Amino acid sequence: MSTNMNRKGISNVVATIILIAVAIALAVAVAVWVFSLSGSASKTATLTVQAESLVNIGNPPATLTLLISNPSSSGIGINGFTLGSLSCVISTPLQIPAGTQGELIQITLPVTSGYFATSGVSVNGTSATCSGNQAAQVGIQYSGYITTVSGQTYPFTVTASS
């Protein structure tokens, strides 16, 4: 019996403190992981951009029509677009409210001497400042993208028609 009494170990108080510290550390680690997942999900609002048409190339001004949906829970501002080598910034960002399904965006593109003009461009009636040099030709498939205020880009392709 005397051999069992000589065994030493940590006290109940120290063991309890260690268990509480481990539990708190695990709770903090789980909280950081959960909040980083939800934080990144809320930052990556997604738009769906579908090019409907690019018409009147032969009878300017040309009109690019895009169908935009915003299934996220926050509004998204669009402040620019590209079409081939033409890059444009909208003077006042176009707001796409949360939950929007299929909003039509009409971009008016003047054509001068067979090229999309860099002046006179408008997006739903709001002026845009453009740069670049892009030929405007019927039957050509153009690649482009919409740019949001947060810097995200959403690609689209469209074939020009007369």
Protein backbone atom coordinates (compact mmCIF):
# COMPACT_ATOMS: atom_id res chain seq x y z
CA MET A 1 0.00 0.00 0.00
CA SER A 2 2.76 2.41 0.67
CA THR A 3 3.99 2.20 -2.96
CA ASN A 4 0.74 3.71 -4.29
CA MET A 5 0.94 6.64 -1.89
CA ASN A 6 4.40 7.67 -3.17
CA ARG A 7 3.25 8.20 -6.79
CA LYS A 8 3.28 11.81 -7.91
CA GLY A 9 1.13 13.53 -10.60
CA ILE A 10 -0.22 16.89 -11.49
CA SER A 11 -2.78 18.40 -9.18
CA ASN A 12 -6.46 18.55 -10.05
CA VAL A 13 -6.29 22.35 -10.35
CA VAL A 14 -3.44 22.28 -12.89
CA ALA A 15 -5.18 19.54 -14.91
CA THR A 16 -8.41 21.58 -14.99
CA ILE A 17 -6.56 24.71 -16.13
CA ILE A 18 -4.82 22.79 -18.93
CA LEU A 19 -8.13 21.29 -20.13
CA ILE A 20 -9.81 24.72 -20.15
CA ALA A 21 -6.88 26.25 -22.09
CA VAL A 22 -7.02 23.49 -24.71
CA ALA A 23 -10.80 23.91 -25.07
CA ILE A 24 -10.47 27.68 -25.53
CA ALA A 25 -7.68 27.25 -28.11
CA LEU A 26 -9.83 24.79 -30.08
CA ALA A 27 -12.85 27.12 -29.91
CA VAL A 28 -10.77 30.04 -31.21
CA ALA A 29 -9.34 27.92 -34.03
CA VAL A 30 -12.82 26.77 -35.10
CA ALA A 31 -14.18 30.35 -34.92
CA VAL A 32 -11.33 31.69 -37.08
CA TRP A 33 -11.89 28.94 -39.64
CA VAL A 34 -15.69 29.48 -39.78
CA PHE A 35 -15.46 33.28 -40.01
CA SER A 36 -12.78 33.16 -42.70
CA LEU A 37 -15.02 30.89 -44.79
CA SER A 38 -18.09 33.10 -44.40
CA GLY A 39 -16.04 36.27 -44.88
CA SER A 40 -14.60 35.08 -48.19
CA ALA A 41 -18.03 33.93 -49.36
CA SER A 42 -19.53 37.37 -48.76
CA LYS A 43 -16.65 39.11 -50.56
CA THR A 44 -16.97 37.04 -53.72
CA ALA A 45 -20.27 38.31 -55.03
CA THR A 46 -20.87 36.81 -58.42
CA LEU A 47 -22.52 38.18 -61.51
CA THR A 48 -23.75 36.17 -64.45
CA VAL A 49 -23.13 37.97 -67.73
CA GLN A 50 -24.68 36.73 -70.96
CA ALA A 51 -24.13 38.60 -74.21
CA GLU A 52 -27.43 38.90 -76.06
CA SER A 53 -26.39 40.76 -79.20
CA LEU A 54 -24.08 43.24 -80.89
CA VAL A 55 -26.15 44.79 -83.68
CA ASN A 56 -26.13 47.70 -86.15
CA ILE A 57 -22.45 47.39 -87.01
CA GLY A 58 -23.26 48.45 -90.58
CA ASN A 59 -25.77 51.10 -89.47
CA PRO A 60 -24.15 52.89 -86.49
CA PRO A 61 -24.38 53.40 -83.65
CA ALA A 62 -23.88 49.76 -82.71
CA THR A 63 -25.71 48.42 -79.67
CA LEU A 64 -24.25 45.76 -77.37
CA THR A 65 -26.94 44.16 -75.20
CA LEU A 66 -25.94 42.17 -72.11
CA LEU A 67 -28.17 40.21 -69.74
CA ILE A 68 -26.84 40.47 -66.18
CA SER A 69 -27.98 38.59 -63.08
CA ASN A 70 -26.80 39.14 -59.51
CA PRO A 71 -27.84 36.17 -57.38
CA SER A 72 -25.75 37.34 -54.41
CA SER A 73 -27.13 39.00 -51.28
CA SER A 74 -25.34 42.31 -51.91
CA GLY A 75 -25.55 44.90 -54.66
CA ILE A 76 -22.70 45.13 -57.16
CA GLY A 77 -21.48 48.21 -59.01
CA ILE A 78 -20.26 47.94 -62.61
CA ASN A 79 -17.77 50.61 -63.56
CA GLY A 80 -16.37 49.45 -66.87
CA PHE A 81 -16.20 46.98 -69.74
CA THR A 82 -13.96 45.87 -72.57
CA LEU A 83 -14.87 44.73 -76.05
CA GLY A 84 -11.85 43.33 -77.84
CA SER A 85 -9.20 46.09 -77.62
CA LEU A 86 -11.70 48.79 -76.63
CA SER A 87 -11.64 49.51 -72.90
CA CYS A 88 -14.25 51.78 -71.29
CA VAL A 89 -14.90 53.27 -67.84
CA ILE A 90 -18.45 54.29 -66.96
CA SER A 91 -18.67 57.83 -65.50
CA THR A 92 -21.15 56.75 -62.79
CA PRO A 93 -21.04 53.06 -61.77
CA LEU A 94 -24.12 51.10 -62.78
CA GLN A 95 -25.69 49.42 -59.73
CA ILE A 96 -26.98 45.85 -60.01
CA PRO A 97 -29.14 45.22 -56.90
CA ALA A 98 -28.95 41.98 -54.93
CA GLY A 99 -31.19 39.24 -56.29
CA THR A 100 -31.47 40.78 -59.78
CA GLN A 101 -32.35 38.21 -62.43
CA GLY A 102 -31.82 39.09 -66.08
CA GLU A 103 -31.36 42.87 -66.16
CA LEU A 104 -30.72 44.16 -69.68
CA ILE A 105 -27.75 46.48 -70.10
CA GLN A 106 -27.57 48.42 -73.37
CA ILE A 107 -24.20 49.79 -74.45
CA THR A 108 -24.27 52.26 -77.34
CA LEU A 109 -21.06 52.16 -79.40
CA PRO A 110 -20.60 54.72 -82.19
CA VAL A 111 -18.71 53.38 -85.21
CA THR A 112 -16.37 55.67 -87.18
CA SER A 113 -14.39 54.64 -90.26
CA GLY A 114 -14.89 50.94 -89.48
CA TYR A 115 -13.77 51.21 -85.83
CA PHE A 116 -15.66 51.50 -82.55
CA ALA A 117 -15.34 55.15 -81.50
CA THR A 118 -13.78 56.09 -78.16
CA SER A 119 -16.18 59.01 -77.62
CA GLY A 120 -19.97 59.06 -77.49
CA VAL A 121 -20.15 55.64 -75.78
CA SER A 122 -22.93 55.20 -73.23
CA VAL A 123 -24.14 52.44 -70.89
CA ASN A 124 -27.89 52.61 -70.18
CA GLY A 125 -27.69 56.32 -70.98
CA THR A 126 -24.66 57.04 -68.78
CA SER A 127 -21.55 58.22 -70.60
CA ALA A 128 -18.36 56.17 -70.68
CA THR A 129 -14.77 57.17 -71.45
CA CYS A 130 -13.00 54.71 -73.74
CA SER A 131 -9.53 54.02 -75.06
CA GLY A 132 -8.13 51.53 -77.52
CA ASN A 133 -8.63 50.73 -81.16
CA GLN A 134 -11.06 47.97 -82.14
CA ALA A 135 -12.31 47.27 -85.68
CA ALA A 136 -16.08 46.94 -86.00
CA GLN A 137 -16.93 44.15 -88.43
CA VAL A 138 -20.06 42.09 -89.05
CA GLY A 139 -19.63 38.36 -88.36
CA ILE A 140 -16.68 38.76 -86.00
CA GLN A 141 -16.88 37.16 -82.57
CA TYR A 142 -15.70 39.59 -79.90
CA SER A 143 -14.51 38.72 -76.42
CA GLY A 144 -15.01 41.15 -73.61
CA TYR A 145 -15.65 41.46 -69.91
CA ILE A 146 -17.54 43.54 -67.39
CA THR A 147 -15.50 45.09 -64.55
CA THR A 148 -17.01 45.69 -61.11
CA VAL A 149 -16.14 48.46 -58.66
CA SER A 150 -14.29 45.85 -56.55
CA GLY A 151 -12.10 44.93 -59.56
CA GLN A 152 -13.67 41.58 -60.41
CA THR A 153 -14.12 40.76 -64.09
CA TYR A 154 -16.84 38.71 -65.76
CA PRO A 155 -16.19 37.57 -69.35
CA PHE A 156 -18.59 37.37 -72.28
CA THR A 157 -18.42 36.71 -76.03
CA VAL A 158 -20.70 38.12 -78.71
CA THR A 159 -20.90 37.91 -82.51
CA ALA A 160 -21.47 41.18 -84.35
CA SER A 161 -24.33 41.49 -86.82
CA SER A 162 -25.61 44.22 -89.12
